[in-house]
N, C-alpha and C. Protein backbone atom coordinates (compact mmCIF):
# COMPACT_ATOMS: atom_id res chain seq x y z
N UNK A 1 -18.60 -16.11 0.44
CA UNK A 1 -18.14 -15.26 1.52
C UNK A 1 -19.10 -15.38 2.69
N UNK A 2 -18.77 -14.77 3.77
CA UNK A 2 -19.56 -14.87 4.99
C UNK A 2 -20.96 -14.32 4.80
N UNK A 3 -21.93 -15.00 5.36
CA UNK A 3 -23.29 -14.54 5.24
C UNK A 3 -23.74 -13.72 6.44
N UNK A 4 -22.91 -13.54 7.47
CA UNK A 4 -23.33 -12.85 8.68
C UNK A 4 -23.00 -11.37 8.69
N UNK A 5 -21.98 -10.95 8.02
CA UNK A 5 -21.58 -9.55 8.05
C UNK A 5 -22.18 -8.79 6.88
N UNK A 6 -22.46 -7.52 7.09
CA UNK A 6 -22.95 -6.66 6.03
C UNK A 6 -21.79 -6.34 5.09
N UNK A 7 -21.91 -6.71 3.84
CA UNK A 7 -20.83 -6.47 2.88
C UNK A 7 -20.90 -5.03 2.41
N UNK A 8 -19.86 -4.30 2.68
CA UNK A 8 -19.79 -2.89 2.32
C UNK A 8 -19.32 -2.74 0.88
N UNK A 9 -18.33 -3.52 0.50
CA UNK A 9 -17.77 -3.41 -0.84
C UNK A 9 -17.38 -4.79 -1.35
N UNK A 10 -17.63 -5.00 -2.60
CA UNK A 10 -17.18 -6.22 -3.28
C UNK A 10 -16.23 -5.77 -4.37
N UNK A 11 -15.28 -6.64 -4.68
CA UNK A 11 -14.29 -6.29 -5.69
C UNK A 11 -13.74 -7.56 -6.33
N UNK A 12 -13.03 -7.36 -7.45
CA UNK A 12 -12.38 -8.48 -8.15
C UNK A 12 -10.97 -8.05 -8.52
N UNK A 13 -10.06 -9.02 -8.48
CA UNK A 13 -8.70 -8.80 -8.96
C UNK A 13 -8.43 -9.78 -10.09
N UNK A 14 -7.38 -9.48 -10.86
CA UNK A 14 -6.98 -10.40 -11.92
C UNK A 14 -5.73 -11.16 -11.47
N UNK A 15 -5.12 -11.90 -12.38
CA UNK A 15 -3.96 -12.71 -12.06
C UNK A 15 -2.73 -11.88 -11.70
N UNK A 16 -2.73 -10.57 -12.04
CA UNK A 16 -1.60 -9.69 -11.71
C UNK A 16 -1.82 -8.98 -10.38
N UNK A 17 -2.92 -9.30 -9.68
CA UNK A 17 -3.32 -8.64 -8.44
C UNK A 17 -3.72 -7.20 -8.68
N UNK A 18 -4.27 -6.94 -9.85
CA UNK A 18 -4.83 -5.63 -10.18
C UNK A 18 -6.28 -5.63 -9.77
N UNK A 19 -6.71 -4.56 -9.14
CA UNK A 19 -8.11 -4.36 -8.82
C UNK A 19 -8.81 -3.97 -10.11
N UNK A 20 -9.66 -4.85 -10.62
CA UNK A 20 -10.31 -4.59 -11.91
C UNK A 20 -11.76 -4.16 -11.75
N UNK A 21 -12.36 -4.47 -10.60
CA UNK A 21 -13.71 -4.02 -10.27
C UNK A 21 -13.72 -3.74 -8.78
N UNK A 22 -14.40 -2.65 -8.37
CA UNK A 22 -14.51 -2.35 -6.94
C UNK A 22 -15.71 -1.46 -6.68
N UNK A 23 -16.46 -1.82 -5.65
CA UNK A 23 -17.57 -0.99 -5.19
C UNK A 23 -17.01 0.12 -4.30
N UNK A 24 -17.85 1.13 -4.08
CA UNK A 24 -17.52 2.15 -3.09
C UNK A 24 -17.69 1.54 -1.70
N UNK A 25 -16.92 1.90 -0.74
CA UNK A 25 -15.90 2.95 -0.68
C UNK A 25 -14.50 2.47 -1.04
N UNK A 26 -14.34 1.19 -1.38
CA UNK A 26 -13.01 0.68 -1.73
C UNK A 26 -12.46 1.36 -2.97
N UNK A 27 -13.29 1.60 -3.96
CA UNK A 27 -12.82 2.25 -5.20
C UNK A 27 -12.24 3.63 -4.89
N UNK A 28 -12.92 4.40 -4.07
CA UNK A 28 -12.41 5.74 -3.72
C UNK A 28 -11.12 5.65 -2.92
N UNK A 29 -11.05 4.72 -1.98
CA UNK A 29 -9.82 4.56 -1.20
C UNK A 29 -8.66 4.21 -2.11
N UNK A 30 -8.88 3.31 -3.05
CA UNK A 30 -7.85 2.92 -4.02
C UNK A 30 -7.26 4.15 -4.71
N UNK A 31 -8.11 5.05 -5.13
CA UNK A 31 -7.66 6.26 -5.84
C UNK A 31 -7.00 7.26 -4.88
N UNK A 32 -7.55 7.41 -3.68
CA UNK A 32 -7.00 8.38 -2.73
C UNK A 32 -5.60 8.02 -2.24
N UNK A 33 -5.27 6.74 -2.21
CA UNK A 33 -3.94 6.37 -1.72
C UNK A 33 -2.95 6.16 -2.87
N UNK A 34 -3.29 6.70 -4.02
CA UNK A 34 -2.34 6.73 -5.12
C UNK A 34 -2.50 5.64 -6.16
N UNK A 35 -3.51 4.78 -6.01
CA UNK A 35 -3.72 3.70 -6.96
C UNK A 35 -4.56 4.13 -8.15
N UNK A 36 -4.77 3.21 -9.04
CA UNK A 36 -5.60 3.43 -10.21
C UNK A 36 -6.64 2.33 -10.27
N UNK A 37 -7.67 2.55 -11.04
CA UNK A 37 -8.71 1.55 -11.22
C UNK A 37 -8.99 1.44 -12.71
N UNK A 38 -8.59 0.39 -13.39
CA UNK A 38 -7.90 -0.76 -12.84
C UNK A 38 -6.43 -0.45 -12.55
N UNK A 39 -5.90 -1.15 -11.57
CA UNK A 39 -4.51 -1.00 -11.19
C UNK A 39 -4.20 -1.90 -10.02
N UNK A 40 -2.93 -2.08 -9.72
CA UNK A 40 -2.52 -2.97 -8.64
C UNK A 40 -3.17 -2.52 -7.34
N UNK A 41 -3.57 -3.46 -6.51
CA UNK A 41 -4.22 -3.15 -5.24
C UNK A 41 -3.29 -2.23 -4.46
N UNK A 42 -3.80 -1.05 -4.09
CA UNK A 42 -2.95 -0.01 -3.50
C UNK A 42 -2.75 -0.16 -2.00
N UNK A 43 -3.69 -0.73 -1.28
CA UNK A 43 -3.56 -0.89 0.17
C UNK A 43 -2.66 -2.09 0.44
N UNK A 44 -1.48 -1.88 1.02
CA UNK A 44 -0.53 -2.98 1.22
C UNK A 44 -1.10 -4.19 1.96
N UNK A 45 -1.89 -3.99 3.01
CA UNK A 45 -2.45 -5.12 3.76
C UNK A 45 -3.42 -5.93 2.90
N UNK A 46 -4.20 -5.25 2.09
CA UNK A 46 -5.14 -5.94 1.21
C UNK A 46 -4.40 -6.65 0.08
N UNK A 47 -3.37 -6.01 -0.45
CA UNK A 47 -2.56 -6.64 -1.50
C UNK A 47 -1.92 -7.93 -0.99
N UNK A 48 -1.40 -7.90 0.22
CA UNK A 48 -0.79 -9.10 0.80
C UNK A 48 -1.81 -10.23 0.93
N UNK A 49 -3.01 -9.91 1.38
CA UNK A 49 -4.05 -10.91 1.53
C UNK A 49 -4.47 -11.48 0.18
N UNK A 50 -4.60 -10.64 -0.83
CA UNK A 50 -4.96 -11.09 -2.18
C UNK A 50 -3.88 -12.01 -2.73
N UNK A 51 -2.61 -11.62 -2.58
CA UNK A 51 -1.51 -12.45 -3.10
C UNK A 51 -1.49 -13.82 -2.44
N UNK A 52 -1.67 -13.86 -1.13
CA UNK A 52 -1.66 -15.15 -0.42
C UNK A 52 -2.83 -16.02 -0.84
N UNK A 53 -4.01 -15.44 -0.96
CA UNK A 53 -5.18 -16.20 -1.37
C UNK A 53 -4.99 -16.80 -2.75
N UNK A 54 -4.49 -15.99 -3.69
CA UNK A 54 -4.28 -16.47 -5.05
C UNK A 54 -3.18 -17.52 -5.09
N UNK A 55 -2.08 -17.28 -4.39
CA UNK A 55 -0.95 -18.20 -4.39
C UNK A 55 -1.30 -19.57 -3.81
N UNK A 56 -2.00 -19.56 -2.67
CA UNK A 56 -2.32 -20.81 -1.99
C UNK A 56 -3.64 -21.41 -2.41
N UNK A 57 -4.44 -20.65 -3.18
CA UNK A 57 -5.72 -21.16 -3.62
C UNK A 57 -6.72 -21.32 -2.48
N UNK A 58 -6.59 -20.49 -1.45
CA UNK A 58 -7.42 -20.60 -0.26
C UNK A 58 -8.24 -19.35 -0.01
N UNK A 59 -9.39 -19.52 0.62
CA UNK A 59 -10.18 -18.39 1.11
C UNK A 59 -9.52 -17.93 2.40
N UNK A 60 -9.20 -16.63 2.47
CA UNK A 60 -8.55 -16.05 3.64
C UNK A 60 -9.34 -14.84 4.10
N UNK A 61 -9.27 -14.56 5.39
CA UNK A 61 -9.96 -13.39 5.93
C UNK A 61 -9.16 -12.83 7.09
N UNK A 62 -9.17 -11.51 7.20
CA UNK A 62 -8.53 -10.85 8.34
C UNK A 62 -8.88 -9.36 8.31
N UNK A 63 -8.62 -8.73 9.43
CA UNK A 63 -8.80 -7.29 9.51
C UNK A 63 -7.65 -6.62 8.77
N UNK A 64 -7.95 -5.57 8.04
CA UNK A 64 -6.92 -4.82 7.34
C UNK A 64 -7.02 -3.35 7.74
N UNK A 65 -5.91 -2.64 7.54
CA UNK A 65 -5.87 -1.20 7.78
C UNK A 65 -5.24 -0.52 6.59
N UNK A 66 -5.73 0.66 6.30
CA UNK A 66 -5.16 1.49 5.24
C UNK A 66 -5.32 2.95 5.67
N UNK A 67 -4.52 3.81 5.06
CA UNK A 67 -4.58 5.21 5.44
C UNK A 67 -4.28 6.08 4.24
N UNK A 68 -5.06 7.15 4.10
CA UNK A 68 -4.74 8.16 3.11
C UNK A 68 -4.34 9.42 3.88
N UNK A 69 -4.32 10.56 3.23
CA UNK A 69 -3.90 11.78 3.90
C UNK A 69 -4.93 12.30 4.91
N UNK A 70 -6.19 11.87 4.79
CA UNK A 70 -7.24 12.43 5.63
C UNK A 70 -7.83 11.46 6.65
N UNK A 71 -7.79 10.14 6.36
CA UNK A 71 -8.43 9.21 7.29
C UNK A 71 -7.73 7.86 7.34
N UNK A 72 -8.00 7.17 8.44
CA UNK A 72 -7.51 5.81 8.65
C UNK A 72 -8.72 4.89 8.53
N UNK A 73 -8.58 3.83 7.73
CA UNK A 73 -9.67 2.90 7.47
C UNK A 73 -9.31 1.53 8.03
N UNK A 74 -10.28 0.91 8.70
CA UNK A 74 -10.14 -0.49 9.08
C UNK A 74 -11.35 -1.22 8.51
N UNK A 75 -11.16 -2.48 8.14
CA UNK A 75 -12.26 -3.27 7.59
C UNK A 75 -11.93 -4.74 7.74
N UNK A 76 -12.95 -5.57 7.68
CA UNK A 76 -12.78 -7.01 7.64
C UNK A 76 -12.77 -7.40 6.17
N UNK A 77 -11.71 -8.03 5.73
CA UNK A 77 -11.57 -8.42 4.33
C UNK A 77 -11.61 -9.93 4.19
N UNK A 78 -12.45 -10.40 3.29
CA UNK A 78 -12.52 -11.81 2.94
C UNK A 78 -12.12 -11.93 1.48
N UNK A 79 -11.15 -12.79 1.20
CA UNK A 79 -10.63 -12.93 -0.15
C UNK A 79 -10.63 -14.42 -0.51
N UNK A 80 -11.11 -14.72 -1.71
CA UNK A 80 -11.14 -16.10 -2.18
C UNK A 80 -10.74 -16.13 -3.65
N UNK A 81 -10.09 -17.23 -4.07
CA UNK A 81 -9.79 -17.36 -5.50
C UNK A 81 -11.08 -17.29 -6.30
N UNK A 82 -11.02 -16.59 -7.43
CA UNK A 82 -12.18 -16.43 -8.30
C UNK A 82 -12.44 -17.73 -9.03
N UNK A 83 -13.59 -18.37 -8.84
CA UNK A 83 -13.86 -19.64 -9.52
C UNK A 83 -14.00 -19.48 -11.04
N UNK A 84 -14.20 -18.24 -11.49
CA UNK A 84 -14.39 -18.00 -12.93
C UNK A 84 -13.16 -17.37 -13.58
N UNK A 85 -12.09 -17.17 -12.83
CA UNK A 85 -10.91 -16.51 -13.40
C UNK A 85 -9.65 -16.87 -12.63
N UNK A 86 -8.59 -16.13 -12.89
CA UNK A 86 -7.30 -16.41 -12.26
C UNK A 86 -7.02 -15.49 -11.08
N UNK A 87 -7.88 -14.53 -10.82
CA UNK A 87 -7.69 -13.59 -9.74
C UNK A 87 -8.45 -13.99 -8.50
N UNK A 88 -8.94 -12.99 -7.77
CA UNK A 88 -9.66 -13.23 -6.53
C UNK A 88 -10.94 -12.41 -6.48
N UNK A 89 -11.84 -12.85 -5.61
CA UNK A 89 -13.07 -12.14 -5.31
C UNK A 89 -12.92 -11.63 -3.88
N UNK A 90 -13.22 -10.35 -3.68
CA UNK A 90 -13.04 -9.73 -2.37
C UNK A 90 -14.39 -9.27 -1.83
N UNK A 91 -14.52 -9.33 -0.53
CA UNK A 91 -15.69 -8.78 0.15
C UNK A 91 -15.19 -8.08 1.40
N UNK A 92 -15.55 -6.82 1.55
CA UNK A 92 -15.15 -6.06 2.72
C UNK A 92 -16.38 -5.72 3.55
N UNK A 93 -16.26 -5.86 4.85
CA UNK A 93 -17.35 -5.53 5.76
C UNK A 93 -16.77 -4.80 6.96
N UNK A 94 -17.66 -4.34 7.82
CA UNK A 94 -17.26 -3.62 9.04
C UNK A 94 -16.30 -2.48 8.73
N UNK A 95 -16.57 -1.76 7.67
CA UNK A 95 -15.73 -0.64 7.22
C UNK A 95 -15.85 0.51 8.21
N UNK A 96 -14.72 0.95 8.73
CA UNK A 96 -14.71 2.08 9.65
C UNK A 96 -13.63 3.06 9.21
N UNK A 97 -14.03 4.30 9.01
CA UNK A 97 -13.09 5.34 8.62
C UNK A 97 -13.06 6.38 9.73
N UNK A 98 -11.85 6.70 10.19
CA UNK A 98 -11.67 7.68 11.25
C UNK A 98 -10.80 8.80 10.72
N UNK A 99 -11.27 10.02 10.85
CA UNK A 99 -10.50 11.17 10.38
C UNK A 99 -9.21 11.29 11.18
N UNK A 100 -8.13 11.57 10.47
CA UNK A 100 -6.87 11.83 11.16
C UNK A 100 -6.95 13.19 11.83
N UNK A 101 -6.20 13.35 12.88
CA UNK A 101 -6.23 14.61 13.62
C UNK A 101 -5.81 15.76 12.73
N UNK A 102 -6.70 16.72 12.60
CA UNK A 102 -6.43 17.89 11.77
C UNK A 102 -6.06 19.11 12.58
N UNK A 103 -6.35 19.09 13.90
CA UNK A 103 -6.16 20.27 14.71
C UNK A 103 -4.80 20.37 15.37
N UNK A 104 -3.88 19.51 15.01
CA UNK A 104 -2.56 19.56 15.63
C UNK A 104 -1.82 20.81 15.24
N UNK A 105 -1.10 21.34 16.20
CA UNK A 105 -0.26 22.50 15.92
C UNK A 105 0.94 22.06 15.10
N UNK A 106 1.62 22.99 14.44
CA UNK A 106 2.83 22.63 13.71
C UNK A 106 3.87 21.97 14.59
N UNK A 107 3.99 22.39 15.84
CA UNK A 107 4.95 21.77 16.77
C UNK A 107 4.59 20.32 17.06
N UNK A 108 3.29 20.04 17.25
CA UNK A 108 2.85 18.67 17.51
C UNK A 108 3.08 17.78 16.29
N UNK A 109 2.81 18.30 15.11
CA UNK A 109 3.06 17.53 13.88
C UNK A 109 4.54 17.23 13.72
N UNK A 110 5.39 18.21 13.95
CA UNK A 110 6.84 17.99 13.85
C UNK A 110 7.31 16.98 14.89
N UNK A 111 6.75 17.04 16.09
CA UNK A 111 7.12 16.09 17.14
C UNK A 111 6.77 14.66 16.70
N UNK A 112 5.59 14.47 16.12
CA UNK A 112 5.20 13.14 15.64
C UNK A 112 6.10 12.67 14.50
N UNK A 113 6.48 13.58 13.60
CA UNK A 113 7.39 13.22 12.51
C UNK A 113 8.74 12.78 13.06
N UNK A 114 9.23 13.48 14.05
CA UNK A 114 10.52 13.12 14.66
C UNK A 114 10.46 11.74 15.31
N UNK A 115 9.36 11.44 15.99
CA UNK A 115 9.20 10.11 16.60
C UNK A 115 9.20 9.05 15.51
N UNK A 116 8.46 9.28 14.43
CA UNK A 116 8.42 8.31 13.33
C UNK A 116 9.80 8.12 12.72
N UNK A 117 10.55 9.19 12.53
CA UNK A 117 11.90 9.08 11.96
C UNK A 117 12.82 8.28 12.87
N UNK A 118 12.71 8.48 14.19
CA UNK A 118 13.56 7.76 15.12
C UNK A 118 13.22 6.28 15.18
N UNK A 119 11.97 5.94 14.98
CA UNK A 119 11.55 4.54 15.01
C UNK A 119 11.83 3.81 13.70
N UNK A 120 11.93 4.54 12.62
CA UNK A 120 12.14 3.91 11.31
C UNK A 120 13.58 3.47 11.15
N UNK A 121 13.77 2.31 10.52
CA UNK A 121 15.12 1.85 10.21
C UNK A 121 15.65 2.51 8.95
N UNK A 122 14.75 3.06 8.14
CA UNK A 122 15.12 3.67 6.88
C UNK A 122 14.19 4.85 6.64
N UNK A 123 14.74 5.92 6.12
CA UNK A 123 13.95 7.10 5.82
C UNK A 123 14.45 7.72 4.52
N UNK A 124 13.51 8.10 3.67
CA UNK A 124 13.87 8.79 2.42
C UNK A 124 12.91 9.94 2.22
N UNK A 125 13.42 11.01 1.72
CA UNK A 125 12.58 12.16 1.37
C UNK A 125 12.44 12.15 -0.15
N UNK A 126 11.17 12.22 -0.60
CA UNK A 126 10.89 12.17 -2.03
C UNK A 126 10.33 13.50 -2.50
N UNK A 127 10.62 13.84 -3.75
CA UNK A 127 10.07 15.03 -4.37
C UNK A 127 8.70 14.75 -4.95
N UNK A 128 8.07 15.74 -5.53
CA UNK A 128 6.71 15.57 -6.06
C UNK A 128 6.61 14.55 -7.18
N UNK A 129 7.69 14.28 -7.88
CA UNK A 129 7.69 13.27 -8.94
C UNK A 129 8.18 11.92 -8.45
N UNK A 130 8.15 11.71 -7.11
CA UNK A 130 8.60 10.47 -6.48
C UNK A 130 10.11 10.24 -6.66
N UNK A 131 10.86 11.32 -6.92
CA UNK A 131 12.31 11.22 -7.05
C UNK A 131 12.96 11.32 -5.67
N UNK A 132 14.08 10.61 -5.50
CA UNK A 132 14.80 10.61 -4.23
C UNK A 132 15.51 11.94 -4.04
N UNK A 133 15.24 12.57 -2.90
CA UNK A 133 15.95 13.80 -2.54
C UNK A 133 17.03 13.50 -1.51
N UNK A 134 16.73 12.62 -0.56
CA UNK A 134 17.70 12.23 0.45
C UNK A 134 17.30 10.88 1.03
N UNK A 135 18.24 10.21 1.68
CA UNK A 135 17.99 8.92 2.31
C UNK A 135 18.94 8.76 3.48
N UNK A 136 18.44 8.09 4.52
CA UNK A 136 19.30 7.82 5.68
C UNK A 136 18.82 6.57 6.39
N UNK A 137 19.74 5.94 7.11
CA UNK A 137 19.43 4.75 7.88
C UNK A 137 20.44 4.60 9.01
N UNK A 138 20.02 3.90 10.04
CA UNK A 138 20.93 3.51 11.11
C UNK A 138 21.15 2.01 11.08
N UNK A 139 20.49 1.33 10.15
CA UNK A 139 20.57 -0.13 10.06
C UNK A 139 21.69 -0.54 9.10
N UNK A 140 22.64 -1.31 9.55
CA UNK A 140 23.76 -1.72 8.69
C UNK A 140 23.33 -2.46 7.42
N UNK A 141 22.25 -3.23 7.50
CA UNK A 141 21.82 -4.00 6.33
C UNK A 141 21.18 -3.13 5.25
N UNK A 142 20.89 -1.87 5.56
CA UNK A 142 20.32 -0.96 4.57
C UNK A 142 21.31 0.09 4.09
N UNK A 143 22.55 0.00 4.55
CA UNK A 143 23.56 1.00 4.18
C UNK A 143 23.80 1.05 2.67
N UNK A 144 23.79 -0.10 2.01
CA UNK A 144 24.00 -0.14 0.56
C UNK A 144 22.89 0.57 -0.19
N UNK A 145 21.65 0.39 0.26
CA UNK A 145 20.52 1.07 -0.36
C UNK A 145 20.65 2.58 -0.21
N UNK A 146 20.99 3.02 0.98
CA UNK A 146 21.13 4.46 1.23
C UNK A 146 22.24 5.05 0.38
N UNK A 147 23.37 4.37 0.29
CA UNK A 147 24.48 4.86 -0.53
C UNK A 147 24.06 4.98 -1.99
N UNK A 148 23.38 3.96 -2.51
CA UNK A 148 22.93 3.99 -3.90
C UNK A 148 21.94 5.13 -4.13
N UNK A 149 21.04 5.34 -3.18
CA UNK A 149 20.05 6.42 -3.33
C UNK A 149 20.71 7.79 -3.27
N UNK A 150 21.70 7.93 -2.40
CA UNK A 150 22.40 9.21 -2.31
C UNK A 150 23.16 9.51 -3.60
N UNK A 151 23.81 8.49 -4.15
CA UNK A 151 24.55 8.67 -5.40
C UNK A 151 23.62 8.90 -6.59
N UNK A 152 22.41 8.37 -6.50
CA UNK A 152 21.45 8.50 -7.60
C UNK A 152 20.34 9.49 -7.30
N UNK A 153 20.60 10.44 -6.42
CA UNK A 153 19.58 11.42 -6.05
C UNK A 153 18.99 12.06 -7.31
N UNK A 154 17.68 12.23 -7.31
CA UNK A 154 16.98 12.80 -8.46
C UNK A 154 16.29 11.74 -9.31
N UNK A 155 16.68 10.47 -9.13
CA UNK A 155 16.03 9.38 -9.85
C UNK A 155 14.83 8.88 -9.05
N UNK A 156 13.83 8.25 -9.69
CA UNK A 156 12.67 7.72 -8.96
C UNK A 156 13.09 6.65 -7.95
N UNK A 157 12.40 6.59 -6.83
CA UNK A 157 12.75 5.62 -5.80
C UNK A 157 12.63 4.19 -6.32
N UNK A 158 11.79 3.95 -7.32
CA UNK A 158 11.61 2.60 -7.86
C UNK A 158 12.85 2.10 -8.59
N UNK A 159 13.78 3.00 -8.93
CA UNK A 159 15.04 2.57 -9.55
C UNK A 159 15.93 1.81 -8.58
N UNK A 160 15.65 1.91 -7.29
CA UNK A 160 16.53 1.34 -6.27
C UNK A 160 15.97 0.12 -5.58
N UNK A 161 14.80 -0.31 -5.96
CA UNK A 161 14.17 -1.46 -5.32
C UNK A 161 13.63 -2.42 -6.37
N UNK A 162 13.44 -3.67 -5.96
CA UNK A 162 12.82 -4.67 -6.82
C UNK A 162 11.36 -4.78 -6.41
N UNK A 163 10.47 -4.61 -7.36
CA UNK A 163 9.03 -4.66 -7.09
C UNK A 163 8.41 -5.84 -7.81
N UNK A 164 7.45 -6.46 -7.14
CA UNK A 164 6.67 -7.51 -7.80
C UNK A 164 5.67 -6.83 -8.72
N UNK A 165 5.49 -7.37 -9.90
CA UNK A 165 4.48 -6.84 -10.82
C UNK A 165 4.71 -5.39 -11.19
N UNK A 166 5.91 -5.04 -11.65
CA UNK A 166 6.27 -3.65 -11.92
C UNK A 166 5.74 -3.18 -13.28
N UNK A 167 4.49 -3.51 -13.59
CA UNK A 167 3.91 -3.09 -14.85
C UNK A 167 2.79 -2.08 -14.62
N UNK A 168 3.10 -1.05 -13.86
CA UNK A 168 2.15 0.01 -13.58
C UNK A 168 2.76 1.33 -13.99
N UNK A 169 1.92 2.34 -14.03
CA UNK A 169 2.34 3.67 -14.48
C UNK A 169 3.44 4.21 -13.57
N UNK A 170 4.46 4.80 -14.18
CA UNK A 170 5.55 5.44 -13.45
C UNK A 170 5.40 6.95 -13.55
N UNK A 171 5.81 7.75 -12.61
CA UNK A 171 6.43 7.29 -11.37
C UNK A 171 5.39 6.75 -10.41
N UNK A 172 5.71 5.65 -9.76
CA UNK A 172 4.79 5.01 -8.84
C UNK A 172 4.84 5.70 -7.49
N UNK A 173 3.67 5.99 -6.92
CA UNK A 173 3.58 6.61 -5.60
C UNK A 173 4.15 5.64 -4.57
N UNK A 174 4.86 6.15 -3.57
CA UNK A 174 5.53 5.31 -2.58
C UNK A 174 4.56 4.41 -1.84
N UNK A 175 3.29 4.81 -1.67
CA UNK A 175 2.34 3.97 -0.95
C UNK A 175 2.01 2.69 -1.70
N UNK A 176 2.26 2.67 -3.00
CA UNK A 176 1.95 1.49 -3.80
C UNK A 176 3.08 0.48 -3.78
N UNK A 177 4.19 0.80 -3.14
CA UNK A 177 5.35 -0.09 -3.11
C UNK A 177 5.03 -1.44 -2.49
N UNK A 178 4.15 -1.45 -1.50
CA UNK A 178 3.72 -2.71 -0.89
C UNK A 178 4.88 -3.58 -0.49
N UNK A 179 5.21 -4.55 -1.30
CA UNK A 179 6.28 -5.50 -1.00
C UNK A 179 7.45 -5.23 -1.91
N UNK A 180 8.57 -4.83 -1.35
CA UNK A 180 9.75 -4.56 -2.16
C UNK A 180 10.99 -4.96 -1.39
N UNK A 181 12.07 -5.13 -2.11
CA UNK A 181 13.36 -5.45 -1.52
C UNK A 181 14.37 -4.51 -2.13
N UNK A 182 15.37 -4.11 -1.32
CA UNK A 182 16.38 -3.23 -1.91
C UNK A 182 17.29 -4.05 -2.80
N UNK A 183 17.88 -3.38 -3.79
CA UNK A 183 18.72 -4.04 -4.79
C UNK A 183 20.17 -4.16 -4.35
N UNK A 184 20.53 -3.52 -3.25
CA UNK A 184 21.96 -3.51 -2.85
C UNK A 184 22.41 -4.85 -2.33
């Protein structure tokens, strides 16, 4: 990995893209965003980088972003195939965590939610057990997914999508979905 940047966290993944070893603060972030240790890499941007590195057998690096309920994290991630295994070796540097705005009024929070809903092509409301409560879309190509979710309300959202490496504990938190396709 790069010798110029201060390495904040080192980690290892296996052939399933599970994070099997991780230094702080990556280990804590993994748990805060709904992942497990060991468990599939929970930060979607990092998971994508790990999958590409393993698939192509190349060392890759880029800035990644992740967010939990309290803060937004950015870091420089370097990922390389593990010379001693089938997974990857990760090194994160330039870790920056910024607290999300906590002082917003309820009106400001609702306004931001409305903007996000209007910009999204698909929206689903999930219950505490990750079960589908409602779904809506304005995109014609997602109409089949929404219809299936509405008819199957109460079932876990993972029943309606195809996930890579679906060998993790259920119900899976929506943030761990990473790369999925609808089944419709």
